[in-house]
Amino acid sequence: MEYEVINDKQGSRFVLTAEGDKVYVLYTLDKETIDLYSTFTPHKLRGKGLAAVVVKAAFEYARANKLKVIPTCSYVRWFSNQHKGYLNDIIDNDS
């Protein structure tokens, strides 16, 4: 099934709705970076790959807008390690 991810700018999150619930990644944004700092998936929707859908949308938004990604959220960091094509988009915030 394909899901529509919406950039809820007012809520500073990329969000999709599935089975009446929301899955999202929260962000802060400035001129050069987007900090993806928290993901949320309701318990009943976990294990379906929905967090990956919203995080991928956030990375695609960053690319389209020439932003570097700060992967504060551990899931976002894990996602980027699993999808090596996004590693060049990352700013390492551990230093």
PDB file of N, CA and C in Angstrom:
ATOM      1  N   MET A   1       0.838  -1.183   0.000  1.00  0.00           N
ATOM      2  CA  MET A   1       0.000   0.000   0.000  1.00  0.00           C
ATOM      3  C   MET A   1       0.878   1.239   0.000  1.00  0.00           C
ATOM      4  N   GLU A   2       0.467   2.245  -0.757  1.00  0.00           N
ATOM      5  CA  GLU A   2       1.223   3.487  -0.818  1.00  0.00           C
ATOM      6  C   GLU A   2       0.550   4.531   0.069  1.00  0.00           C
ATOM      7  N   TYR A   3       1.369   5.263   0.814  1.00  0.00           N
ATOM      8  CA  TYR A   3       0.856   6.265   1.740  1.00  0.00           C
ATOM      9  C   TYR A   3       1.282   7.643   1.289  1.00  0.00           C
ATOM     10  N   GLU A   4       0.434   8.627   1.544  1.00  0.00           N
ATOM     11  CA  GLU A   4       0.771  10.007   1.257  1.00  0.00           C
ATOM     12  C   GLU A   4       1.382  10.624   2.509  1.00  0.00           C
ATOM     13  N   VAL A   5       2.572  11.157   2.352  1.00  0.00           N
ATOM     14  CA  VAL A   5       3.240  11.847   3.455  1.00  0.00           C
ATOM     15  C   VAL A   5       3.072  13.340   3.226  1.00  0.00           C
ATOM     16  N   ILE A   6       2.643  14.024   4.256  1.00  0.00           N
ATOM     17  CA  ILE A   6       2.419  15.464   4.193  1.00  0.00           C
ATOM     18  C   ILE A   6       3.453  16.166   5.058  1.00  0.00           C
ATOM     19  N   ASN A   7       4.009  17.244   4.531  1.00  0.00           N
ATOM     20  CA  ASN A   7       4.889  18.095   5.329  1.00  0.00           C
ATOM     21  C   ASN A   7       3.996  19.086   6.060  1.00  0.00           C
ATOM     22  N   ASP A   8       3.721  18.797   7.309  1.00  0.00           N
ATOM     23  CA  ASP A   8       2.916  19.666   8.166  1.00  0.00           C
ATOM     24  C   ASP A   8       3.858  20.734   8.718  1.00  0.00           C
ATOM     25  N   LYS A   9       4.012  21.813   7.972  1.00  0.00           N
ATOM     26  CA  LYS A   9       4.970  22.859   8.356  1.00  0.00           C
ATOM     27  C   LYS A   9       4.602  23.512   9.679  1.00  0.00           C
ATOM     28  N   GLN A  10       3.321  23.695   9.919  1.00  0.00           N
ATOM     29  CA  GLN A  10       2.898  24.312  11.183  1.00  0.00           C
ATOM     30  C   GLN A  10       3.261  23.416  12.367  1.00  0.00           C
ATOM     31  N   GLY A  11       3.138  22.107  12.204  1.00  0.00           N
ATOM     32  CA  GLY A  11       3.480  21.161  13.258  1.00  0.00           C
ATOM     33  C   GLY A  11       4.929  20.712  13.217  1.00  0.00           C
ATOM     34  N   SER A  12       5.694  21.190  12.230  1.00  0.00           N
ATOM     35  CA  SER A  12       7.106  20.819  12.047  1.00  0.00           C
ATOM     36  C   SER A  12       7.281  19.300  12.050  1.00  0.00           C
ATOM     37  N   ARG A  13       6.525  18.642  11.158  1.00  0.00           N
ATOM     38  CA  ARG A  13       6.611  17.200  11.068  1.00  0.00           C
ATOM     39  C   ARG A  13       6.188  16.717   9.690  1.00  0.00           C
ATOM     40  N   PHE A  14       6.779  15.603   9.299  1.00  0.00           N
ATOM     41  CA  PHE A  14       6.323  14.856   8.139  1.00  0.00           C
ATOM     42  C   PHE A  14       5.416  13.778   8.700  1.00  0.00           C
ATOM     43  N   VAL A  15       4.209  13.667   8.155  1.00  0.00           N
ATOM     44  CA  VAL A  15       3.208  12.802   8.772  1.00  0.00           C
ATOM     45  C   VAL A  15       2.408  12.036   7.718  1.00  0.00           C
ATOM     46  N   LEU A  16       2.063  10.817   8.064  1.00  0.00           N
ATOM     47  CA  LEU A  16       1.116  10.043   7.266  1.00  0.00           C
ATOM     48  C   LEU A  16       0.058   9.492   8.202  1.00  0.00           C
ATOM     49  N   THR A  17      -1.104   9.228   7.634  1.00  0.00           N
ATOM     50  CA  THR A  17      -2.207   8.672   8.415  1.00  0.00           C
ATOM     51  C   THR A  17      -2.477   7.263   7.925  1.00  0.00           C
ATOM     52  N   ALA A  18      -2.533   6.314   8.861  1.00  0.00           N
ATOM     53  CA  ALA A  18      -2.825   4.913   8.551  1.00  0.00           C
ATOM     54  C   ALA A  18      -3.740   4.374   9.629  1.00  0.00           C
ATOM     55  N   GLU A  19      -4.788   3.726   9.203  1.00  0.00           N
ATOM     56  CA  GLU A  19      -5.743   3.126  10.147  1.00  0.00           C
ATOM     57  C   GLU A  19      -6.217   4.137  11.192  1.00  0.00           C
ATOM     58  N   GLY A  20      -6.359   5.387  10.765  1.00  0.00           N
ATOM     59  CA  GLY A  20      -6.863   6.431  11.659  1.00  0.00           C
ATOM     60  C   GLY A  20      -5.844   7.031  12.612  1.00  0.00           C
ATOM     61  N   ASP A  21      -4.593   6.556  12.568  1.00  0.00           N
ATOM     62  CA  ASP A  21      -3.543   7.075  13.442  1.00  0.00           C
ATOM     63  C   ASP A  21      -2.445   7.743  12.630  1.00  0.00           C
ATOM     64  N   LYS A  22      -1.662   8.568  13.295  1.00  0.00           N
ATOM     65  CA  LYS A  22      -0.588   9.300  12.629  1.00  0.00           C
ATOM     66  C   LYS A  22       0.786   8.722  12.980  1.00  0.00           C
ATOM     67  N   VAL A  23       1.616   8.616  11.940  1.00  0.00           N
ATOM     68  CA  VAL A  23       3.026   8.250  12.065  1.00  0.00           C
ATOM     69  C   VAL A  23       3.789   9.481  11.602  1.00  0.00           C
ATOM     70  N   TYR A  24       4.819   9.882  12.367  1.00  0.00           N
ATOM     71  CA  TYR A  24       5.489  11.115  11.974  1.00  0.00           C
ATOM     72  C   TYR A  24       6.938  11.163  12.421  1.00  0.00           C
ATOM     73  N   VAL A  25       7.658  12.100  11.791  1.00  0.00           N
ATOM     74  CA  VAL A  25       8.999  12.481  12.218  1.00  0.00           C
ATOM     75  C   VAL A  25       8.965  13.986  12.438  1.00  0.00           C
ATOM     76  N   LEU A  26       9.404  14.407  13.622  1.00  0.00           N
ATOM     77  CA  LEU A  26       9.459  15.822  13.985  1.00  0.00           C
ATOM     78  C   LEU A  26      10.777  16.426  13.527  1.00  0.00           C
ATOM     79  N   TYR A  27      10.734  17.720  13.181  1.00  0.00           N
ATOM     80  CA  TYR A  27      11.959  18.368  12.723  1.00  0.00           C
ATOM     81  C   TYR A  27      12.028  19.822  13.158  1.00  0.00           C
ATOM     82  N   THR A  28      13.267  20.337  13.147  1.00  0.00           N
ATOM     83  CA  THR A  28      13.514  21.770  13.197  1.00  0.00           C
ATOM     84  C   THR A  28      14.271  22.098  11.917  1.00  0.00           C
ATOM     85  N   LEU A  29      14.096  23.306  11.456  1.00  0.00           N
ATOM     86  CA  LEU A  29      14.608  23.684  10.150  1.00  0.00           C
ATOM     87  C   LEU A  29      15.273  25.043  10.231  1.00  0.00           C
ATOM     88  N   ASP A  30      16.423  25.164   9.545  1.00  0.00           N
ATOM     89  CA  ASP A  30      17.004  26.484   9.338  1.00  0.00           C
ATOM     90  C   ASP A  30      17.420  26.579   7.875  1.00  0.00           C
ATOM     91  N   LYS A  31      18.196  27.568   7.514  1.00  0.00           N
ATOM     92  CA  LYS A  31      18.528  27.789   6.104  1.00  0.00           C
ATOM     93  C   LYS A  31      19.335  26.662   5.480  1.00  0.00           C
ATOM     94  N   GLU A  32      20.145  25.965   6.269  1.00  0.00           N
ATOM     95  CA  GLU A  32      21.052  24.965   5.704  1.00  0.00           C
ATOM     96  C   GLU A  32      20.819  23.551   6.194  1.00  0.00           C
ATOM     97  N   THR A  33      20.060  23.380   7.286  1.00  0.00           N
ATOM     98  CA  THR A  33      19.904  22.046   7.874  1.00  0.00           C
ATOM     99  C   THR A  33      18.456  21.764   8.283  1.00  0.00           C
ATOM    100  N   ILE A  34      18.181  20.472   8.358  1.00  0.00           N
ATOM    101  CA  ILE A  34      16.938  19.999   8.950  1.00  0.00           C
ATOM    102  C   ILE A  34      17.333  18.957   9.993  1.00  0.00           C
ATOM    103  N   ASP A  35      16.898  19.170  11.210  1.00  0.00           N
ATOM    104  CA  ASP A  35      17.195  18.251  12.308  1.00  0.00           C
ATOM    105  C   ASP A  35      15.984  17.345  12.496  1.00  0.00           C
ATOM    106  N   LEU A  36      16.153  16.067  12.165  1.00  0.00           N
ATOM    107  CA  LEU A  36      15.092  15.080  12.352  1.00  0.00           C
ATOM    108  C   LEU A  36      15.305  14.497  13.741  1.00  0.00           C
ATOM    109  N   TYR A  37      14.534  14.984  14.706  1.00  0.00           N
ATOM    110  CA  TYR A  37      14.871  14.705  16.097  1.00  0.00           C
ATOM    111  C   TYR A  37      13.978  13.692  16.804  1.00  0.00           C
ATOM    112  N   SER A  38      12.859  13.294  16.209  1.00  0.00           N
ATOM    113  CA  SER A  38      12.015  12.319  16.892  1.00  0.00           C
ATOM    114  C   SER A  38      11.045  11.687  15.903  1.00  0.00           C
ATOM    115  N   THR A  39      10.873  10.379  16.006  1.00  0.00           N
ATOM    116  CA  THR A  39       9.853   9.692  15.219  1.00  0.00           C
ATOM    117  C   THR A  39       8.838   9.087  16.178  1.00  0.00           C
ATOM    118  N   PHE A  40       7.614   8.925  15.671  1.00  0.00           N
ATOM    119  CA  PHE A  40       6.579   8.286  16.466  1.00  0.00           C
ATOM    120  C   PHE A  40       5.738   7.396  15.574  1.00  0.00           C
ATOM    121  N   THR A  41       5.551   6.161  16.028  1.00  0.00           N
ATOM    122  CA  THR A  41       4.651   5.207  15.388  1.00  0.00           C
ATOM    123  C   THR A  41       3.786   4.590  16.477  1.00  0.00           C
ATOM    124  N   PRO A  42       2.458   4.691  16.352  1.00  0.00           N
ATOM    125  CA  PRO A  42       1.590   4.054  17.345  1.00  0.00           C
ATOM    126  C   PRO A  42       1.866   2.552  17.415  1.00  0.00           C
ATOM    127  N   HIS A  43       1.710   2.002  18.581  1.00  0.00           N
ATOM    128  CA  HIS A  43       2.028   0.592  18.810  1.00  0.00           C
ATOM    129  C   HIS A  43       1.385  -0.334  17.778  1.00  0.00           C
ATOM    130  N   LYS A  44       0.123  -0.121  17.473  1.00  0.00           N
ATOM    131  CA  LYS A  44      -0.575  -1.034  16.552  1.00  0.00           C
ATOM    132  C   LYS A  44      -0.057  -0.957  15.114  1.00  0.00           C
ATOM    133  N   LEU A  45       0.726   0.089  14.785  1.00  0.00           N
ATOM    134  CA  LEU A  45       1.254   0.245  13.428  1.00  0.00           C
ATOM    135  C   LEU A  45       2.729  -0.115  13.313  1.00  0.00           C
ATOM    136  N   ARG A  46       3.340  -0.470  14.407  1.00  0.00           N
ATOM    137  CA  ARG A  46       4.775  -0.780  14.377  1.00  0.00           C
ATOM    138  C   ARG A  46       5.042  -2.052  13.591  1.00  0.00           C
ATOM    139  N   GLY A  47       6.217  -2.102  12.988  1.00  0.00           N
ATOM    140  CA  GLY A  47       6.625  -3.278  12.228  1.00  0.00           C
ATOM    141  C   GLY A  47       6.096  -3.303  10.803  1.00  0.00           C
ATOM    142  N   LYS A  48       5.488  -2.223  10.359  1.00  0.00           N
ATOM    143  CA  LYS A  48       4.921  -2.159   9.012  1.00  0.00           C
ATOM    144  C   LYS A  48       5.737  -1.276   8.068  1.00  0.00           C
ATOM    145  N   GLY A  49       6.835  -0.727   8.564  1.00  0.00           N
ATOM    146  CA  GLY A  49       7.700   0.101   7.724  1.00  0.00           C
ATOM    147  C   GLY A  49       7.215   1.526   7.534  1.00  0.00           C
ATOM    148  N   LEU A  50       6.269   1.954   8.346  1.00  0.00           N
ATOM    149  CA  LEU A  50       5.700   3.286   8.159  1.00  0.00           C
ATOM    150  C   LEU A  50       6.631   4.402   8.607  1.00  0.00           C
ATOM    151  N   ALA A  51       7.409   4.165   9.639  1.00  0.00           N
ATOM    152  CA  ALA A  51       8.394   5.177  10.055  1.00  0.00           C
ATOM    153  C   ALA A  51       9.392   5.410   8.927  1.00  0.00           C
ATOM    154  N   ALA A  52       9.764   4.360   8.240  1.00  0.00           N
ATOM    155  CA  ALA A  52      10.691   4.498   7.109  1.00  0.00           C
ATOM    156  C   ALA A  52      10.085   5.360   6.008  1.00  0.00           C
ATOM    157  N   VAL A  53       8.789   5.240   5.802  1.00  0.00           N
ATOM    158  CA  VAL A  53       8.120   6.040   4.769  1.00  0.00           C
ATOM    159  C   VAL A  53       8.217   7.526   5.090  1.00  0.00           C
ATOM    160  N   VAL A  54       7.955   7.913   6.331  1.00  0.00           N
ATOM    161  CA  VAL A  54       8.005   9.339   6.679  1.00  0.00           C
ATOM    162  C   VAL A  54       9.445   9.855   6.725  1.00  0.00           C
ATOM    163  N   VAL A  55      10.371   9.032   7.192  1.00  0.00           N
ATOM    164  CA  VAL A  55      11.772   9.460   7.232  1.00  0.00           C
ATOM    165  C   VAL A  55      12.316   9.616   5.811  1.00  0.00           C
ATOM    166  N   LYS A  56      11.968   8.700   4.924  1.00  0.00           N
ATOM    167  CA  LYS A  56      12.399   8.822   3.523  1.00  0.00           C
ATOM    168  C   LYS A  56      11.858  10.114   2.920  1.00  0.00           C
ATOM    169  N   ALA A  57      10.605  10.442   3.197  1.00  0.00           N
ATOM    170  CA  ALA A  57      10.026  11.694   2.693  1.00  0.00           C
ATOM    171  C   ALA A  57      10.803  12.898   3.214  1.00  0.00           C
ATOM    172  N   ALA A  58      11.216  12.843   4.472  1.00  0.00           N
ATOM    173  CA  ALA A  58      12.000  13.941   5.049  1.00  0.00           C
ATOM    174  C   ALA A  58      13.355  14.069   4.357  1.00  0.00           C
ATOM    175  N   PHE A  59      14.008  12.942   4.089  1.00  0.00           N
ATOM    176  CA  PHE A  59      15.288  12.983   3.374  1.00  0.00           C
ATOM    177  C   PHE A  59      15.104  13.529   1.961  1.00  0.00           C
ATOM    178  N   GLU A  60      14.038  13.129   1.290  1.00  0.00           N
ATOM    179  CA  GLU A  60      13.789  13.618  -0.065  1.00  0.00           C
ATOM    180  C   GLU A  60      13.513  15.124  -0.058  1.00  0.00           C
ATOM    181  N   TYR A  61      12.802  15.599   0.954  1.00  0.00           N
ATOM    182  CA  TYR A  61      12.572  17.029   1.113  1.00  0.00           C
ATOM    183  C   TYR A  61      13.913  17.752   1.306  1.00  0.00           C
ATOM    184  N   ALA A  62      14.756  17.193   2.154  1.00  0.00           N
ATOM    185  CA  ALA A  62      16.073  17.797   2.397  1.00  0.00           C
ATOM    186  C   ALA A  62      16.868  17.887   1.095  1.00  0.00           C
ATOM    187  N   ARG A  63      16.876  16.821   0.324  1.00  0.00           N
ATOM    188  CA  ARG A  63      17.606  16.848  -0.954  1.00  0.00           C
ATOM    189  C   ARG A  63      17.042  17.902  -1.892  1.00  0.00           C
ATOM    190  N   ALA A  64      15.734  17.928  -2.019  1.00  0.00           N
ATOM    191  CA  ALA A  64      15.093  18.869  -2.942  1.00  0.00           C
ATOM    192  C   ALA A  64      15.372  20.319  -2.556  1.00  0.00           C
ATOM    193  N   ASN A  65      15.597  20.551  -1.269  1.00  0.00           N
ATOM    194  CA  ASN A  65      15.836  21.899  -0.771  1.00  0.00           C
ATOM    195  C   ASN A  65      17.285  22.156  -0.398  1.00  0.00           C
ATOM    196  N   LYS A  66      18.168  21.225  -0.806  1.00  0.00           N
ATOM    197  CA  LYS A  66      19.614  21.354  -0.583  1.00  0.00           C
ATOM    198  C   LYS A  66      19.957  21.581   0.889  1.00  0.00           C
ATOM    199  N   LEU A  67      19.321  20.785   1.754  1.00  0.00           N
ATOM    200  CA  LEU A  67      19.560  20.852   3.197  1.00  0.00           C
ATOM    201  C   LEU A  67      20.369  19.641   3.643  1.00  0.00           C
ATOM    202  N   LYS A  68      21.201  19.827   4.625  1.00  0.00           N
ATOM    203  CA  LYS A  68      21.871  18.707   5.273  1.00  0.00           C
ATOM    204  C   LYS A  68      20.990  18.226   6.418  1.00  0.00           C
ATOM    205  N   VAL A  69      21.049  16.928   6.698  1.00  0.00           N
ATOM    206  CA  VAL A  69      20.216  16.319   7.729  1.00  0.00           C
ATOM    207  C   VAL A  69      21.033  16.096   8.998  1.00  0.00           C
ATOM    208  N   ILE A  70      20.495  16.540  10.113  1.00  0.00           N
ATOM    209  CA  ILE A  70      21.058  16.223  11.418  1.00  0.00           C
ATOM    210  C   ILE A  70      20.193  15.084  11.973  1.00  0.00           C
ATOM    211  N   PRO A  71      20.765  13.894  12.125  1.00  0.00           N
ATOM    212  CA  PRO A  71      19.984  12.727  12.551  1.00  0.00           C
ATOM    213  C   PRO A  71      19.953  12.568  14.072  1.00  0.00           C
ATOM    214  N   THR A  72      19.332  13.499  14.768  1.00  0.00           N
ATOM    215  CA  THR A  72      19.276  13.432  16.225  1.00  0.00           C
ATOM    216  C   THR A  72      18.527  12.187  16.691  1.00  0.00           C
ATOM    217  N   CYS A  73      17.457  11.841  16.011  1.00  0.00           N
ATOM    218  CA  CYS A  73      16.671  10.647  16.349  1.00  0.00           C
ATOM    219  C   CYS A  73      17.456   9.384  16.007  1.00  0.00           C
ATOM    220  N   SER A  74      17.504   8.447  16.929  1.00  0.00           N
ATOM    221  CA  SER A  74      18.254   7.203  16.686  1.00  0.00           C
ATOM    222  C   SER A  74      17.664   6.412  15.528  1.00  0.00           C
ATOM    223  N   TYR A  75      16.365   6.458  15.331  1.00  0.00           N
ATOM    224  CA  TYR A  75      15.776   5.739  14.190  1.00  0.00           C
ATOM    225  C   TYR A  75      16.218   6.372  12.870  1.00  0.00           C
ATOM    226  N   VAL A  76      16.288   7.684  12.812  1.00  0.00           N
ATOM    227  CA  VAL A  76      16.735   8.368  11.600  1.00  0.00           C
ATOM    228  C   VAL A  76      18.181   7.978  11.289  1.00  0.00           C
ATOM    229  N   ARG A  77      19.018   7.917  12.325  1.00  0.00           N
ATOM    230  CA  ARG A  77      20.411   7.501  12.124  1.00  0.00           C
ATOM    231  C   ARG A  77      20.461   6.055  11.626  1.00  0.00           C
ATOM    232  N   TRP A  78      19.665   5.171  12.218  1.00  0.00           N
ATOM    233  CA  TRP A  78      19.606   3.771  11.776  1.00  0.00           C
ATOM    234  C   TRP A  78      19.141   3.699  10.323  1.00  0.00           C
ATOM    235  N   PHE A  79      18.093   4.445   9.975  1.00  0.00           N
ATOM    236  CA  PHE A  79      17.567   4.463   8.614  1.00  0.00           C
ATOM    237  C   PHE A  79      18.657   4.860   7.621  1.00  0.00           C
ATOM    238  N   SER A  80      19.398   5.908   7.915  1.00  0.00           N
ATOM    239  CA  SER A  80      20.438   6.377   6.989  1.00  0.00           C
ATOM    240  C   SER A  80      21.547   5.345   6.842  1.00  0.00           C
ATOM    241  N   ASN A  81      21.838   4.590   7.889  1.00  0.00           N
ATOM    242  CA  ASN A  81      22.838   3.531   7.786  1.00  0.00           C
ATOM    243  C   ASN A  81      22.334   2.351   6.964  1.00  0.00           C
ATOM    244  N   GLN A  82      21.034   2.104   6.989  1.00  0.00           N
ATOM    245  CA  GLN A  82      20.447   1.018   6.209  1.00  0.00           C
ATOM    246  C   GLN A  82      20.261   1.403   4.740  1.00  0.00           C
ATOM    247  N   HIS A  83      20.126   2.674   4.475  1.00  0.00           N
ATOM    248  CA  HIS A  83      19.902   3.188   3.125  1.00  0.00           C
ATOM    249  C   HIS A  83      21.085   4.097   2.778  1.00  0.00           C
ATOM    250  N   LYS A  84      22.173   3.457   2.395  1.00  0.00           N
ATOM    251  CA  LYS A  84      23.458   4.146   2.234  1.00  0.00           C
ATOM    252  C   LYS A  84      23.403   5.345   1.284  1.00  0.00           C
ATOM    253  N   GLY A  85      22.423   5.385   0.401  1.00  0.00           N
ATOM    254  CA  GLY A  85      22.304   6.506  -0.526  1.00  0.00           C
ATOM    255  C   GLY A  85      22.046   7.834   0.159  1.00  0.00           C
ATOM    256  N   TYR A  86      21.649   7.785   1.422  1.00  0.00           N
ATOM    257  CA  TYR A  86      21.373   9.018   2.158  1.00  0.00           C
ATOM    258  C   TYR A  86      22.529   9.473   3.039  1.00  0.00           C
ATOM    259  N   LEU A  87      23.592   8.689   3.123  1.00  0.00           N
ATOM    260  CA  LEU A  87      24.689   9.043   4.031  1.00  0.00           C
ATOM    261  C   LEU A  87      25.334  10.378   3.692  1.00  0.00           C
ATOM    262  N   ASN A  88      25.397  10.740   2.413  1.00  0.00           N
ATOM    263  CA  ASN A  88      26.001  12.021   2.044  1.00  0.00           C
ATOM    264  C   ASN A  88      25.143  13.208   2.474  1.00  0.00           C
ATOM    265  N   ASP A  89      23.897  12.946   2.839  1.00  0.00           N
ATOM    266  CA  ASP A  89      22.993  14.007   3.268  1.00  0.00           C
ATOM    267  C   ASP A  89      23.128  14.317   4.755  1.00  0.00           C
ATOM    268  N   ILE A  90      23.891  13.512   5.482  1.00  0.00           N
ATOM    269  CA  ILE A  90      23.968  13.566   6.949  1.00  0.00           C
ATOM    270  C   ILE A  90      25.055  14.524   7.421  1.00  0.00           C
ATOM    271  N   ILE A  91      24.731  15.241   8.487  1.00  0.00           N
ATOM    272  CA  ILE A  91      25.736  15.956   9.284  1.00  0.00           C
ATOM    273  C   ILE A  91      25.847  15.169  10.565  1.00  0.00           C
ATOM    274  N   ASP A  92      27.026  14.729  10.907  1.00  0.00           N
ATOM    275  CA  ASP A  92      27.209  13.937  12.125  1.00  0.00           C
ATOM    276  C   ASP A  92      27.129  14.863  13.330  1.00  0.00           C
ATOM    277  N   ASN A  93      26.111  14.675  14.158  1.00  0.00           N
ATOM    278  CA  ASN A  93      25.913  15.565  15.302  1.00  0.00           C
ATOM    279  C   ASN A  93      26.464  14.977  16.589  1.00  0.00           C
ATOM    280  N   ASP A  94      27.249  13.917  16.494  1.00  0.00           N
ATOM    281  CA  ASP A  94      27.832  13.313  17.705  1.00  0.00           C
ATOM    282  C   ASP A  94      29.087  14.016  18.176  1.00  0.00           C
ATOM    283  N   SER A  95      29.664  14.859  17.328  1.00  0.00           N
ATOM    284  CA  SER A  95      30.928  15.508  17.717  1.00  0.00           C
ATOM    285  C   SER A  95      30.700  16.820  18.408  1.00  0.00           C
TER     286      SER A  95
END
